[in-house]
C-alpha atoms as a PDB file:
ATOM      1  CA  MET A   1       3.083   9.794   6.505  1.00  0.00           C
ATOM      2  CA  SER A   2      -0.354   9.038   5.070  1.00  0.00           C
ATOM      3  CA  LYS A   3       0.929   9.448   1.525  1.00  0.00           C
ATOM      4  CA  LEU A   4       3.517   6.694   1.867  1.00  0.00           C
ATOM      5  CA  ARG A   5       1.015   4.167   3.194  1.00  0.00           C
ATOM      6  CA  LEU A   6      -1.210   4.148   0.111  1.00  0.00           C
ATOM      7  CA  MET A   7       0.904   1.494  -1.421  1.00  0.00           C
ATOM      8  CA  SER A   8      -0.457  -0.507   1.167  1.00  0.00           C
ATOM      9  CA  PHE A   9      -1.525  -1.473  -1.880  1.00  0.00           C
ATOM     10  CA  GLN A  10      -0.575  -2.986  -2.750  1.00  0.00           C
ATOM     11  CA  TYR A  11      -2.666  -0.761  -0.912  1.00  0.00           C
ATOM     12  CA  SER A  12      -1.575   1.432   0.679  1.00  0.00           C
ATOM     13  CA  LEU A  13       0.853   4.366   2.035  1.00  0.00           C
ATOM     14  CA  SER A  14       1.388   5.342   5.794  1.00  0.00           C
ATOM     15  CA  LYS A  15      -0.098   6.831   8.931  1.00  0.00           C
ATOM     16  CA  LYS A  16       1.081   8.293  12.185  1.00  0.00           C
ATOM     17  CA  LEU A  17       2.117   5.723  14.717  1.00  0.00           C
ATOM     18  CA  PRO A  18      -0.988   4.647  16.639  1.00  0.00           C
ATOM     19  CA  PRO A  19      -0.985   4.564  20.440  1.00  0.00           C
ATOM     20  CA  LYS A  20      -0.507   0.797  20.397  1.00  0.00           C
ATOM     21  CA  THR A  21       1.541  -1.152  17.881  1.00  0.00           C
ATOM     22  CA  VAL A  22      -0.325  -4.315  16.994  1.00  0.00           C
ATOM     23  CA  THR A  23       2.373  -6.480  15.458  1.00  0.00           C
ATOM     24  CA  ARG A  24       6.079  -6.926  15.032  1.00  0.00           C
ATOM     25  CA  TRP A  25       6.984  -8.937  11.970  1.00  0.00           C
ATOM     26  CA  SER A  26      10.175  -8.891  10.001  1.00  0.00           C
ATOM     27  CA  SER A  27      11.803 -10.589   7.068  1.00  0.00           C
ATOM     28  CA  LYS A  28      14.041 -12.368   9.566  1.00  0.00           C
ATOM     29  CA  ASN A  29      10.959 -14.102  11.003  1.00  0.00           C
ATOM     30  CA  ARG A  30       9.768 -14.867   7.474  1.00  0.00           C
ATOM     31  CA  GLN A  31      12.986 -16.682   6.657  1.00  0.00           C
ATOM     32  CA  SER A  32      12.620 -19.091   9.556  1.00  0.00           C
ATOM     33  CA  SER A  33       8.960 -19.858   8.926  1.00  0.00           C
ATOM     34  CA  SER A  34       7.080 -21.311   6.002  1.00  0.00           C
ATOM     35  CA  LEU A  35       3.988 -19.371   7.070  1.00  0.00           C
ATOM     36  CA  SER A  36       3.369 -16.051   5.428  1.00  0.00           C
ATOM     37  CA  PRO A  37       1.720 -13.574   7.783  1.00  0.00           C
ATOM     38  CA  VAL A  38      -1.547 -11.940   6.867  1.00  0.00           C
ATOM     39  CA  PHE A  39      -2.638  -8.563   8.233  1.00  0.00           C
ATOM     40  CA  LEU A  40      -6.146  -7.190   8.517  1.00  0.00           C
ATOM     41  CA  PRO A  41      -6.270  -3.433   7.886  1.00  0.00           C
ATOM     42  CA  ASN A  42      -8.747  -1.358   9.839  1.00  0.00           C
ATOM     43  CA  VAL A  43     -11.770   0.224   8.146  1.00  0.00           C
ATOM     44  CA  GLU A  44     -10.467   3.781   8.543  1.00  0.00           C
ATOM     45  CA  GLU A  45      -7.226   2.820   6.814  1.00  0.00           C
ATOM     46  CA  MET A  46      -9.100   1.084   4.011  1.00  0.00           C
ATOM     47  CA  ARG A  47     -11.349   4.124   3.528  1.00  0.00           C
ATOM     48  CA  ARG A  48      -8.228   6.257   2.956  1.00  0.00           C
ATOM     49  CA  VAL A  49      -6.906   3.735   0.443  1.00  0.00           C
ATOM     50  CA  PHE A  50     -10.278   3.656  -1.322  1.00  0.00           C
ATOM     51  CA  GLN A  51     -10.281   7.454  -1.510  1.00  0.00           C
ATOM     52  CA  ARG A  52      -6.864   7.382  -3.207  1.00  0.00           C
ATOM     53  CA  PHE A  53      -8.380   5.279  -5.986  1.00  0.00           C
ATOM     54  CA  ASP A  54     -11.591   7.357  -6.131  1.00  0.00           C
ATOM     55  CA  THR A  55      -9.933  10.438  -7.590  1.00  0.00           C
ATOM     56  CA  ASN A  56     -13.174  12.213  -8.512  1.00  0.00           C
ATOM     57  CA  ASN A  57     -14.676  11.582  -5.049  1.00  0.00           C
ATOM     58  CA  ASP A  58     -17.928  10.124  -6.351  1.00  0.00           C
ATOM     59  CA  GLY A  59     -17.881   7.195  -3.898  1.00  0.00           C
ATOM     60  CA  LYS A  60     -16.911   4.580  -6.435  1.00  0.00           C
ATOM     61  CA  ILE A  61     -13.849   3.472  -8.357  1.00  0.00           C
ATOM     62  CA  SER A  62     -14.133   3.426 -12.132  1.00  0.00           C
ATOM     63  CA  GLN A  63     -11.974   1.311 -14.388  1.00  0.00           C
ATOM     64  CA  GLU A  64     -10.285   4.498 -15.589  1.00  0.00           C
ATOM     65  CA  GLU A  65      -9.408   5.575 -12.033  1.00  0.00           C
ATOM     66  CA  TYR A  66      -8.004   2.112 -11.354  1.00  0.00           C
ATOM     67  CA  LYS A  67      -5.933   2.241 -14.566  1.00  0.00           C
ATOM     68  CA  ILE A  68      -4.512   5.658 -13.679  1.00  0.00           C
ATOM     69  CA  LEU A  69      -3.257   4.439 -10.320  1.00  0.00           C
ATOM     70  CA  LEU A  70      -1.775   1.226 -11.725  1.00  0.00           C
ATOM     71  CA  LYS A  71      -0.054   3.188 -14.476  1.00  0.00           C
ATOM     72  CA  ALA A  72       1.379   5.651 -11.943  1.00  0.00           C
ATOM     73  CA  LEU A  73       2.762   2.705 -10.004  1.00  0.00           C
ATOM     74  CA  GLY A  74       4.454   1.367 -13.121  1.00  0.00           C
ATOM     75  CA  LYS A  75       2.398  -1.830 -13.217  1.00  0.00           C
ATOM     76  CA  PRO A  76       2.562  -3.918 -16.403  1.00  0.00           C
ATOM     77  CA  ASN A  77      -0.496  -5.535 -18.022  1.00  0.00           C
ATOM     78  CA  ILE A  78      -2.831  -2.822 -16.784  1.00  0.00           C
ATOM     79  CA  GLU A  79      -5.770  -3.814 -18.980  1.00  0.00           C
ATOM     80  CA  SER A  80      -5.807  -7.444 -17.853  1.00  0.00           C
ATOM     81  CA  GLU A  81      -5.298  -6.517 -14.200  1.00  0.00           C
ATOM     82  CA  VAL A  82      -8.179  -4.019 -14.326  1.00  0.00           C
ATOM     83  CA  ALA A  83     -10.465  -6.535 -16.038  1.00  0.00           C
ATOM     84  CA  MET A  84      -9.629  -9.182 -13.455  1.00  0.00           C
ATOM     85  CA  ALA A  85     -10.075  -6.803 -10.512  1.00  0.00           C
ATOM     86  CA  PHE A  86     -13.465  -5.631 -11.729  1.00  0.00           C
ATOM     87  CA  GLU A  87     -14.612  -9.167 -12.493  1.00  0.00           C
ATOM     88  CA  VAL A  88     -13.905 -10.099  -8.865  1.00  0.00           C
ATOM     89  CA  ALA A  89     -14.887  -6.890  -7.093  1.00  0.00           C
ATOM     90  CA  ASP A  90     -17.820  -5.439  -9.050  1.00  0.00           C
ATOM     91  CA  THR A  91     -20.404  -7.810  -7.599  1.00  0.00           C
ATOM     92  CA  ASP A  92     -23.439  -5.691  -8.512  1.00  0.00           C
ATOM     93  CA  GLY A  93     -22.296  -5.403 -12.140  1.00  0.00           C
ATOM     94  CA  ASP A  94     -22.619  -1.618 -12.384  1.00  0.00           C
ATOM     95  CA  GLY A  95     -19.085  -1.164 -13.779  1.00  0.00           C
ATOM     96  CA  PHE A  96     -17.764   0.439 -10.587  1.00  0.00           C
ATOM     97  CA  ILE A  97     -16.327  -0.692  -7.257  1.00  0.00           C
ATOM     98  CA  ASP A  98     -17.993   0.966  -4.282  1.00  0.00           C
ATOM     99  CA  PHE A  99     -16.556   0.934  -0.766  1.00  0.00           C
ATOM    100  CA  LYS A 100     -18.622  -2.078   0.331  1.00  0.00           C
ATOM    101  CA  GLU A 101     -17.372  -4.097  -2.648  1.00  0.00           C
ATOM    102  CA  PHE A 102     -13.834  -2.876  -1.977  1.00  0.00           C
ATOM    103  CA  MET A 103     -14.034  -4.092   1.635  1.00  0.00           C
ATOM    104  CA  ASP A 104     -15.688  -7.377   0.658  1.00  0.00           C
ATOM    105  CA  VAL A 105     -12.777  -8.207  -1.648  1.00  0.00           C
ATOM    106  CA  HIS A 106     -10.278  -7.617   1.138  1.00  0.00           C
ATOM    107  CA  LYS A 107     -12.281  -9.645   3.639  1.00  0.00           C
ATOM    108  CA  LYS A 108     -12.707 -12.549   1.211  1.00  0.00           C
ATOM    109  CA  GLY A 109      -9.043 -12.367   0.282  1.00  0.00           C
ATOM    110  CA  GLY A 110      -8.121 -12.787   3.915  1.00  0.00           C
ATOM    111  CA  GLY A 111      -6.448  -9.427   4.375  1.00  0.00           C
ATOM    112  CA  VAL A 112      -3.142  -7.988   3.247  1.00  0.00           C
ATOM    113  CA  LYS A 113      -0.549 -10.690   2.708  1.00  0.00           C
ATOM    114  CA  ALA A 114       3.168 -10.295   3.232  1.00  0.00           C
ATOM    115  CA  MET A 115       3.585 -10.616  -0.546  1.00  0.00           C
ATOM    116  CA  ASP A 116       1.358  -7.554  -1.043  1.00  0.00           C
ATOM    117  CA  ILE A 117       3.632  -5.561   1.247  1.00  0.00           C
ATOM    118  CA  GLN A 118       6.723  -6.834  -0.577  1.00  0.00           C
ATOM    119  CA  ASN A 119       5.187  -5.825  -3.926  1.00  0.00           C
ATOM    120  CA  ALA A 120       4.437  -2.374  -2.536  1.00  0.00           C
ATOM    121  CA  PHE A 121       8.029  -2.082  -1.341  1.00  0.00           C
ATOM    122  CA  ARG A 122       9.328  -2.995  -4.799  1.00  0.00           C
ATOM    123  CA  ALA A 123       7.115  -0.309  -6.353  1.00  0.00           C
ATOM    124  CA  PHE A 124       8.947   2.304  -4.248  1.00  0.00           C
ATOM    125  CA  ASP A 125      12.419   0.752  -4.582  1.00  0.00           C
ATOM    126  CA  LEU A 126      12.954   2.146  -8.068  1.00  0.00           C
ATOM    127  CA  ASP A 127      16.621   1.175  -8.372  1.00  0.00           C
ATOM    128  CA  GLY A 128      16.067  -2.313  -6.933  1.00  0.00           C
ATOM    129  CA  ASN A 129      18.756  -2.027  -4.261  1.00  0.00           C
ATOM    130  CA  GLY A 130      16.533  -3.196  -1.389  1.00  0.00           C
ATOM    131  CA  LYS A 131      16.208   0.293   0.109  1.00  0.00           C
ATOM    132  CA  ILE A 132      13.853   3.216  -0.448  1.00  0.00           C
ATOM    133  CA  SER A 133      15.489   6.635  -0.525  1.00  0.00           C
ATOM    134  CA  ALA A 134      13.779   9.977  -0.097  1.00  0.00           C
ATOM    135  CA  GLU A 135      14.388  10.614  -3.788  1.00  0.00           C
ATOM    136  CA  GLU A 136      12.643   7.362  -4.767  1.00  0.00           C
ATOM    137  CA  LEU A 137       9.772   8.161  -2.436  1.00  0.00           C
ATOM    138  CA  LEU A 138       9.422  11.607  -4.006  1.00  0.00           C
ATOM    139  CA  GLU A 139       9.403  10.151  -7.524  1.00  0.00           C
ATOM    140  CA  VAL A 140       6.674   7.594  -6.739  1.00  0.00           C
ATOM    141  CA  LEU A 141       4.548  10.138  -4.885  1.00  0.00           C
ATOM    142  CA  LYS A 142       4.810  12.503  -7.853  1.00  0.00           C
ATOM    143  CA  ARG A 143       3.638   9.703 -10.154  1.00  0.00           C
ATOM    144  CA  LEU A 144       0.674   9.256  -7.832  1.00  0.00           C
ATOM    145  CA  GLY A 145      -0.141  12.948  -8.164  1.00  0.00           C
ATOM    146  CA  GLU A 146       1.056  13.963  -4.705  1.00  0.00           C
ATOM    147  CA  ARG A 147       2.678  17.317  -4.192  1.00  0.00           C
ATOM    148  CA  CYS A 148       5.493  17.237  -1.710  1.00  0.00           C
ATOM    149  CA  SER A 149       9.056  18.356  -1.427  1.00  0.00           C
ATOM    150  CA  LEU A 150      12.236  16.350  -1.139  1.00  0.00           C
ATOM    151  CA  GLU A 151      12.582  17.651   2.419  1.00  0.00           C
ATOM    152  CA  THR A 152       9.114  16.320   3.279  1.00  0.00           C
ATOM    153  CA  CYS A 153      10.112  12.933   1.855  1.00  0.00           C
ATOM    154  CA  ARG A 154      13.304  12.995   3.903  1.00  0.00           C
ATOM    155  CA  LYS A 155      11.189  13.584   7.013  1.00  0.00           C
ATOM    156  CA  MET A 156       8.960  10.643   6.060  1.00  0.00           C
ATOM    157  CA  VAL A 157      11.999   8.416   5.633  1.00  0.00           C
ATOM    158  CA  ARG A 158      13.475   9.542   8.970  1.00  0.00           C
ATOM    159  CA  ALA A 159      10.184   8.753  10.717  1.00  0.00           C
ATOM    160  CA  VAL A 160      10.396   5.131   9.541  1.00  0.00           C
ATOM    161  CA  ASP A 161      14.182   4.644   9.466  1.00  0.00           C
ATOM    162  CA  THR A 162      14.922   2.772  12.705  1.00  0.00           C
ATOM    163  CA  ASP A 163      18.527   1.845  11.886  1.00  0.00           C
ATOM    164  CA  GLY A 164      19.541   5.420  11.036  1.00  0.00           C
ATOM    165  CA  ASP A 165      20.966   4.752   7.565  1.00  0.00           C
ATOM    166  CA  GLY A 166      18.720   7.356   5.920  1.00  0.00           C
ATOM    167  CA  LEU A 167      16.872   4.718   3.898  1.00  0.00           C
ATOM    168  CA  ILE A 168      13.856   2.444   4.394  1.00  0.00           C
ATOM    169  CA  ASP A 169      14.570  -1.282   4.179  1.00  0.00           C
ATOM    170  CA  MET A 170      11.998  -4.082   3.900  1.00  0.00           C
ATOM    171  CA  ASP A 171      11.733  -4.611   7.657  1.00  0.00           C
ATOM    172  CA  GLU A 172      11.190  -0.902   8.327  1.00  0.00           C
ATOM    173  CA  PHE A 173       8.652  -0.711   5.499  1.00  0.00           C
ATOM    174  CA  THR A 174       6.779  -3.755   6.793  1.00  0.00           C
ATOM    175  CA  LYS A 175       6.622  -2.370  10.332  1.00  0.00           C
ATOM    176  CA  MET A 176       5.370   0.959   9.010  1.00  0.00           C
ATOM    177  CA  MET A 177       2.770  -0.683   6.763  1.00  0.00           C
ATOM    178  CA  THR A 178       1.384  -2.955   9.476  1.00  0.00           C
ATOM    179  CA  ARG A 179       1.304  -0.620  12.481  1.00  0.00           C
ATOM    180  CA  THR A 180      -2.462  -0.255  12.396  1.00  0.00           C
ATOM    181  CA  MET A 181      -3.205  -3.788  11.223  1.00  0.00           C
ATOM    182  CA  LYS A 182      -4.034  -6.905  13.169  1.00  0.00           C
ATOM    183  CA  LEU A 183      -1.911  -9.982  12.540  1.00  0.00           C
ATOM    184  CA  LEU A 184      -4.132 -12.840  11.332  1.00  0.00           C
ATOM    185  CA  ALA A 185      -1.593 -15.588  10.636  1.00  0.00           C
END
């Protein structure tokens, strides 16, 4: 499941269920509250996300590596988003984002917000029907350069699909994305 969790992106994709689930949050809770939950990812999880960006494994993210990932995710306005991200994150001005800078941005930003998780969900929900199918998962993973089969994607979906409909809805996606995170809000 680690491939799916990357979008945890915004960051990221997914991991095996940890021994203890930290939070239970759903869109149903969100509807009855004006507060938007914020989740703090653990360092190990963030290192895996960082490594997904750092495609040449040199310990830093270049603007080109960042562009490649955004393009694979179908993001619009790549140039402006990259410029903005590097303006905020590249605190030493060397033109790269190292892991410390990457973590600092997430700490200063207060963690992963519910909106980030919703945006990640929409990146996988290619047909916009509110559900992620194994076929959609396969297509996005291929865009990200992952090699996996449709059967592997079906297994990933089954591992997250709690209602048994063969698809991942927003609540299932949110639970999967936040299993290893601490709820801050």
